[in-house]
């Protein structure tokens, strides 16, 4: 499993409605954390601030996603 969605995957994912503030970096950061099971604090910088990615990931169940 890769830590980033492919461009082909984004052709499918991109048009789907997403909560405000959720973009490719957040999605890829969440994918990285779920695939590695590492601490959010270990999130590579290319995915953005770990606190922001974690916050957006944690909010999704409350939003029904």
N, C-alpha and C. Protein backbone atom coordinates (compact mmCIF):
# COMPACT_ATOMS: atom_id res chain seq x y z
N UNK A 1 0.85 -1.18 0.00
CA UNK A 1 0.00 0.00 0.00
C UNK A 1 0.89 1.24 0.00
N UNK A 2 0.47 2.22 -0.74
CA UNK A 2 1.23 3.46 -0.83
C UNK A 2 0.68 4.48 0.15
N UNK A 3 1.46 5.49 0.42
CA UNK A 3 1.00 6.52 1.35
C UNK A 3 0.38 7.70 0.62
N UNK A 4 0.15 7.56 -0.68
CA UNK A 4 -0.50 8.63 -1.43
C UNK A 4 -1.43 8.02 -2.46
N UNK A 5 -2.55 8.67 -2.67
CA UNK A 5 -3.48 8.23 -3.72
C UNK A 5 -2.87 8.56 -5.08
N UNK A 6 -3.06 7.68 -6.03
CA UNK A 6 -2.55 7.91 -7.38
C UNK A 6 -3.41 8.96 -8.08
N UNK A 7 -2.88 9.50 -9.17
CA UNK A 7 -3.66 10.44 -9.96
C UNK A 7 -4.92 9.77 -10.49
N UNK A 8 -4.84 8.49 -10.83
CA UNK A 8 -6.01 7.75 -11.30
C UNK A 8 -7.07 7.67 -10.20
N UNK A 9 -6.64 7.42 -8.97
CA UNK A 9 -7.59 7.38 -7.85
C UNK A 9 -8.22 8.74 -7.64
N UNK A 10 -7.44 9.81 -7.81
CA UNK A 10 -7.98 11.16 -7.63
C UNK A 10 -9.00 11.53 -8.70
N UNK A 11 -8.93 10.87 -9.87
CA UNK A 11 -9.96 11.11 -10.88
C UNK A 11 -11.33 10.68 -10.37
N UNK A 12 -11.34 9.65 -9.52
CA UNK A 12 -12.58 9.16 -8.93
C UNK A 12 -12.93 9.94 -7.67
N UNK A 13 -11.95 10.14 -6.79
CA UNK A 13 -12.16 10.79 -5.50
C UNK A 13 -12.44 12.28 -5.64
N UNK A 14 -11.71 12.94 -6.53
CA UNK A 14 -11.77 14.39 -6.66
C UNK A 14 -13.15 15.00 -6.78
N UNK A 15 -14.01 14.46 -7.65
CA UNK A 15 -15.34 15.05 -7.81
C UNK A 15 -16.31 14.82 -6.64
N UNK A 16 -15.98 13.91 -5.73
CA UNK A 16 -16.88 13.63 -4.62
C UNK A 16 -16.93 14.80 -3.65
N UNK A 17 -18.09 15.08 -3.06
CA UNK A 17 -18.16 16.17 -2.07
C UNK A 17 -17.28 15.85 -0.87
N UNK A 18 -16.62 16.84 -0.38
CA UNK A 18 -15.74 16.67 0.78
C UNK A 18 -16.02 17.78 1.78
N UNK A 19 -15.80 17.50 3.07
CA UNK A 19 -15.95 18.55 4.08
C UNK A 19 -14.97 19.68 3.81
N UNK A 20 -15.32 20.91 4.17
CA UNK A 20 -14.40 22.03 3.99
C UNK A 20 -13.07 21.74 4.67
N UNK A 21 -11.97 22.12 4.01
CA UNK A 21 -10.65 21.94 4.58
C UNK A 21 -10.05 20.58 4.32
N UNK A 22 -10.77 19.71 3.61
CA UNK A 22 -10.23 18.40 3.29
C UNK A 22 -9.73 18.44 1.87
N UNK A 23 -8.47 18.23 1.70
CA UNK A 23 -7.87 18.23 0.38
C UNK A 23 -6.98 17.02 0.20
N UNK A 24 -6.23 17.06 -0.86
CA UNK A 24 -5.36 15.92 -1.20
C UNK A 24 -4.33 15.66 -0.11
N UNK A 25 -3.72 16.71 0.43
CA UNK A 25 -2.70 16.50 1.47
C UNK A 25 -3.30 15.84 2.70
N UNK A 26 -4.49 16.28 3.09
CA UNK A 26 -5.16 15.70 4.27
C UNK A 26 -5.51 14.25 4.00
N UNK A 27 -6.06 13.98 2.82
CA UNK A 27 -6.41 12.61 2.47
C UNK A 27 -5.16 11.72 2.46
N UNK A 28 -4.10 12.19 1.80
CA UNK A 28 -2.86 11.41 1.74
C UNK A 28 -2.25 11.24 3.12
N UNK A 29 -2.34 12.25 3.96
CA UNK A 29 -1.83 12.14 5.33
C UNK A 29 -2.59 11.11 6.14
N UNK A 30 -3.91 11.10 5.97
CA UNK A 30 -4.74 10.10 6.65
C UNK A 30 -4.41 8.70 6.13
N UNK A 31 -4.26 8.57 4.82
CA UNK A 31 -3.89 7.29 4.22
C UNK A 31 -2.54 6.82 4.75
N UNK A 32 -1.58 7.74 4.86
CA UNK A 32 -0.26 7.38 5.40
C UNK A 32 -0.38 6.85 6.82
N UNK A 33 -1.12 7.57 7.67
CA UNK A 33 -1.25 7.15 9.07
C UNK A 33 -1.95 5.81 9.19
N UNK A 34 -3.01 5.60 8.44
CA UNK A 34 -3.74 4.34 8.50
C UNK A 34 -2.92 3.17 7.98
N UNK A 35 -2.09 3.42 6.96
CA UNK A 35 -1.29 2.34 6.40
C UNK A 35 -0.07 2.01 7.24
N UNK A 36 0.46 3.00 7.96
CA UNK A 36 1.66 2.75 8.77
C UNK A 36 1.34 2.49 10.24
N UNK A 37 0.17 2.98 10.69
CA UNK A 37 -0.24 2.91 12.11
C UNK A 37 0.76 3.64 13.02
N UNK A 38 1.51 4.55 12.44
CA UNK A 38 2.46 5.35 13.21
C UNK A 38 1.70 6.46 13.95
N UNK A 39 2.37 7.10 14.85
CA UNK A 39 1.80 8.22 15.58
C UNK A 39 1.54 9.37 14.62
N UNK A 40 0.47 10.11 14.88
CA UNK A 40 0.20 11.29 14.06
C UNK A 40 1.36 12.26 14.09
N UNK A 41 2.08 12.32 15.21
CA UNK A 41 3.23 13.23 15.33
C UNK A 41 4.35 12.87 14.35
N UNK A 42 4.35 11.63 13.85
CA UNK A 42 5.39 11.19 12.90
C UNK A 42 5.00 11.44 11.44
N UNK A 43 3.87 12.08 11.23
CA UNK A 43 3.39 12.36 9.88
C UNK A 43 4.43 13.17 9.11
N UNK A 44 4.83 12.71 7.91
CA UNK A 44 5.80 13.48 7.12
C UNK A 44 5.28 14.89 6.82
N UNK A 45 6.18 15.84 6.78
CA UNK A 45 5.81 17.25 6.57
C UNK A 45 5.07 17.48 5.26
N UNK A 46 5.30 16.63 4.27
CA UNK A 46 4.64 16.82 2.96
C UNK A 46 3.12 16.72 3.04
N UNK A 47 2.61 16.15 4.15
CA UNK A 47 1.17 16.00 4.32
C UNK A 47 0.56 17.15 5.12
N UNK A 48 1.37 18.08 5.53
CA UNK A 48 0.87 19.21 6.30
C UNK A 48 1.03 19.00 7.79
N UNK A 49 0.59 19.95 8.60
CA UNK A 49 0.73 19.85 10.04
C UNK A 49 -0.04 18.65 10.59
N UNK A 50 0.60 17.85 11.42
CA UNK A 50 -0.03 16.63 11.94
C UNK A 50 -1.30 16.94 12.72
N UNK A 51 -1.33 18.04 13.43
CA UNK A 51 -2.53 18.37 14.21
C UNK A 51 -3.71 18.67 13.29
N UNK A 52 -3.47 19.35 12.20
CA UNK A 52 -4.54 19.68 11.26
C UNK A 52 -5.07 18.42 10.57
N UNK A 53 -4.17 17.55 10.14
CA UNK A 53 -4.60 16.32 9.46
C UNK A 53 -5.38 15.44 10.43
N UNK A 54 -4.87 15.31 11.65
CA UNK A 54 -5.56 14.48 12.64
C UNK A 54 -6.93 15.04 12.98
N UNK A 55 -7.01 16.35 13.16
CA UNK A 55 -8.30 17.00 13.48
C UNK A 55 -9.34 16.72 12.40
N UNK A 56 -8.93 16.88 11.15
CA UNK A 56 -9.88 16.67 10.04
C UNK A 56 -10.27 15.20 9.94
N UNK A 57 -9.33 14.31 10.19
CA UNK A 57 -9.63 12.87 10.18
C UNK A 57 -10.59 12.53 11.32
N UNK A 58 -10.37 13.08 12.48
CA UNK A 58 -11.19 12.77 13.66
C UNK A 58 -12.61 13.32 13.51
N UNK A 59 -12.80 14.40 12.76
CA UNK A 59 -14.12 15.01 12.58
C UNK A 59 -15.01 14.22 11.63
N UNK A 60 -14.45 13.41 10.77
CA UNK A 60 -15.24 12.73 9.73
C UNK A 60 -16.31 11.81 10.29
N UNK A 61 -16.04 10.97 11.30
CA UNK A 61 -17.13 10.12 11.83
C UNK A 61 -18.32 10.94 12.35
N UNK A 62 -18.04 12.08 12.95
CA UNK A 62 -19.11 12.93 13.48
C UNK A 62 -19.94 13.53 12.34
N UNK A 63 -19.33 13.61 11.16
CA UNK A 63 -20.01 14.16 10.00
C UNK A 63 -20.71 13.08 9.19
N UNK A 64 -20.60 11.84 9.65
CA UNK A 64 -21.22 10.73 8.93
C UNK A 64 -20.43 10.23 7.75
N UNK A 65 -19.12 10.48 7.75
CA UNK A 65 -18.27 10.05 6.62
C UNK A 65 -17.47 8.83 6.98
